[in-house]
Amino acid sequence: MKIYNMQSDNGNPVPNQFVYETEGKTVFRSYDTVIAEEDNGTTTLDLKWNYSNTTTKYLCRFLGEGLKKKDIEKGIAAGKYKVKNLNN
């Protein structure tokens, strides 16, 4: 498993914003909360994906550069992203 911090606009590691990579699966966590995961081409967001502005900013980066919160909302509505409880 590979674990690394998300990067700031200046290229510095961002505390408490992590990406975990394992075989076929990539997970974005903010503090101790799983926010999103990509598993074999399927992207799933936590049921409560709409967290703080900082977490949402890094969620957008995790999903793809240039995305904004409204793009995530459209992606959910269109079925591009699944939504379920990732933090049992």
C-alpha atoms as a PDB file:
ATOM      1  CA  MET A   1       0.000   0.000   0.000  1.00  0.00           C
ATOM      2  CA  LYS A   2       1.182   3.499  -0.839  1.00  0.00           C
ATOM      3  CA  ILE A   3       0.056   6.478   1.307  1.00  0.00           C
ATOM      4  CA  TYR A   4       0.790  10.109   0.569  1.00  0.00           C
ATOM      5  CA  ASN A   5      -0.485  13.586   1.402  1.00  0.00           C
ATOM      6  CA  MET A   6      -2.337  15.656  -1.167  1.00  0.00           C
ATOM      7  CA  GLN A   7      -0.288  18.597  -2.434  1.00  0.00           C
ATOM      8  CA  SER A   8      -1.071  22.290  -1.948  1.00  0.00           C
ATOM      9  CA  ASP A   9      -1.036  24.800  -4.794  1.00  0.00           C
ATOM     10  CA  ASN A  10       2.608  25.458  -3.833  1.00  0.00           C
ATOM     11  CA  GLY A  11       3.485  21.753  -3.986  1.00  0.00           C
ATOM     12  CA  ASN A  12       3.681  21.277  -0.229  1.00  0.00           C
ATOM     13  CA  PRO A  13       2.127  18.271   1.534  1.00  0.00           C
ATOM     14  CA  VAL A  14      -1.277  19.128   3.008  1.00  0.00           C
ATOM     15  CA  PRO A  15      -1.776  17.845   6.557  1.00  0.00           C
ATOM     16  CA  ASN A  16      -4.717  15.499   7.106  1.00  0.00           C
ATOM     17  CA  GLN A  17      -5.560  15.076   3.382  1.00  0.00           C
ATOM     18  CA  PHE A  18      -4.362  11.616   2.308  1.00  0.00           C
ATOM     19  CA  VAL A  19      -4.498   9.270  -0.663  1.00  0.00           C
ATOM     20  CA  TYR A  20      -4.116   5.526  -0.147  1.00  0.00           C
ATOM     21  CA  GLU A  21      -3.297   3.327  -3.128  1.00  0.00           C
ATOM     22  CA  THR A  22      -3.659  -0.440  -3.160  1.00  0.00           C
ATOM     23  CA  GLU A  23      -4.101  -2.905  -6.005  1.00  0.00           C
ATOM     24  CA  GLY A  24      -6.937  -1.541  -8.140  1.00  0.00           C
ATOM     25  CA  LYS A  25      -8.242   0.838  -5.472  1.00  0.00           C
ATOM     26  CA  THR A  26      -7.433   4.457  -4.567  1.00  0.00           C
ATOM     27  CA  VAL A  27      -8.949   6.095  -1.476  1.00  0.00           C
ATOM     28  CA  PHE A  28      -9.098   9.768  -0.483  1.00  0.00           C
ATOM     29  CA  ARG A  29      -9.268  10.432   3.258  1.00  0.00           C
ATOM     30  CA  SER A  30      -9.580  13.647   5.198  1.00  0.00           C
ATOM     31  CA  TYR A  31      -8.409  13.153   8.764  1.00  0.00           C
ATOM     32  CA  ASP A  32      -9.914   9.760   9.682  1.00  0.00           C
ATOM     33  CA  THR A  33     -12.861   9.946   7.288  1.00  0.00           C
ATOM     34  CA  VAL A  34     -13.027   8.228   3.903  1.00  0.00           C
ATOM     35  CA  ILE A  35     -14.384  10.801   1.451  1.00  0.00           C
ATOM     36  CA  ALA A  36     -14.116   8.940  -1.859  1.00  0.00           C
ATOM     37  CA  GLU A  37     -12.727   5.828  -3.461  1.00  0.00           C
ATOM     38  CA  GLU A  38     -11.953   4.707  -6.966  1.00  0.00           C
ATOM     39  CA  ASP A  39     -12.158   0.961  -7.436  1.00  0.00           C
ATOM     40  CA  ASN A  40     -11.621  -0.618 -10.861  1.00  0.00           C
ATOM     41  CA  GLY A  41     -13.000   2.399 -12.722  1.00  0.00           C
ATOM     42  CA  THR A  42     -15.928   3.079 -10.375  1.00  0.00           C
ATOM     43  CA  THR A  43     -15.855   6.231  -8.265  1.00  0.00           C
ATOM     44  CA  THR A  44     -17.857   6.238  -5.033  1.00  0.00           C
ATOM     45  CA  LEU A  45     -18.313   9.232  -2.750  1.00  0.00           C
ATOM     46  CA  ASP A  46     -19.195   9.049   0.908  1.00  0.00           C
ATOM     47  CA  LEU A  47     -22.863   9.693   1.591  1.00  0.00           C
ATOM     48  CA  LYS A  48     -21.830  12.877   3.424  1.00  0.00           C
ATOM     49  CA  TRP A  49     -19.294  13.938   0.753  1.00  0.00           C
ATOM     50  CA  ASN A  50     -20.123  17.634   1.194  1.00  0.00           C
ATOM     51  CA  TYR A  51     -17.632  18.370   3.977  1.00  0.00           C
ATOM     52  CA  SER A  52     -15.588  21.522   4.695  1.00  0.00           C
ATOM     53  CA  ASN A  53     -14.337  23.818   1.942  1.00  0.00           C
ATOM     54  CA  THR A  54     -10.811  22.422   2.348  1.00  0.00           C
ATOM     55  CA  THR A  55     -11.909  18.792   2.114  1.00  0.00           C
ATOM     56  CA  THR A  56     -14.123  19.603  -0.875  1.00  0.00           C
ATOM     57  CA  LYS A  57     -11.193  21.355  -2.566  1.00  0.00           C
ATOM     58  CA  TYR A  58      -9.026  18.243  -2.257  1.00  0.00           C
ATOM     59  CA  LEU A  59     -11.904  15.967  -3.220  1.00  0.00           C
ATOM     60  CA  CYS A  60     -12.142  17.940  -6.459  1.00  0.00           C
ATOM     61  CA  ARG A  61      -8.414  17.404  -7.017  1.00  0.00           C
ATOM     62  CA  PHE A  62      -8.760  13.715  -6.264  1.00  0.00           C
ATOM     63  CA  LEU A  63     -11.531  13.421  -8.861  1.00  0.00           C
ATOM     64  CA  GLY A  64      -9.789  15.542 -11.493  1.00  0.00           C
ATOM     65  CA  GLU A  65      -8.046  18.873 -11.866  1.00  0.00           C
ATOM     66  CA  GLY A  66     -10.330  21.809 -12.568  1.00  0.00           C
ATOM     67  CA  LEU A  67     -13.446  20.303 -11.010  1.00  0.00           C
ATOM     68  CA  LYS A  68     -15.644  22.382  -8.737  1.00  0.00           C
ATOM     69  CA  LYS A  69     -18.321  21.425  -6.211  1.00  0.00           C
ATOM     70  CA  LYS A  70     -21.063  21.988  -8.815  1.00  0.00           C
ATOM     71  CA  ASP A  71     -19.318  19.488 -11.127  1.00  0.00           C
ATOM     72  CA  ILE A  72     -19.464  16.860  -8.391  1.00  0.00           C
ATOM     73  CA  GLU A  73     -23.170  17.543  -7.851  1.00  0.00           C
ATOM     74  CA  LYS A  74     -23.801  17.188 -11.601  1.00  0.00           C
ATOM     75  CA  GLY A  75     -21.752  13.976 -11.672  1.00  0.00           C
ATOM     76  CA  ILE A  76     -23.822  12.482  -8.866  1.00  0.00           C
ATOM     77  CA  ALA A  77     -27.082  13.446 -10.593  1.00  0.00           C
ATOM     78  CA  ALA A  78     -25.858  11.966 -13.890  1.00  0.00           C
ATOM     79  CA  GLY A  79     -24.725   8.713 -12.250  1.00  0.00           C
ATOM     80  CA  LYS A  80     -21.034   9.325 -12.918  1.00  0.00           C
ATOM     81  CA  TYR A  81     -20.319   9.015  -9.188  1.00  0.00           C
ATOM     82  CA  LYS A  82     -21.950   6.530  -6.845  1.00  0.00           C
ATOM     83  CA  VAL A  83     -22.807   7.620  -3.310  1.00  0.00           C
ATOM     84  CA  LYS A  84     -22.827   5.352  -0.258  1.00  0.00           C
ATOM     85  CA  ASN A  85     -21.719   5.261   3.360  1.00  0.00           C
ATOM     86  CA  LEU A  86     -17.950   4.651   3.240  1.00  0.00           C
ATOM     87  CA  ASN A  87     -17.512   5.118   7.003  1.00  0.00           C
ATOM     88  CA  ASN A  88     -19.372   2.353   8.801  1.00  0.00           C
END
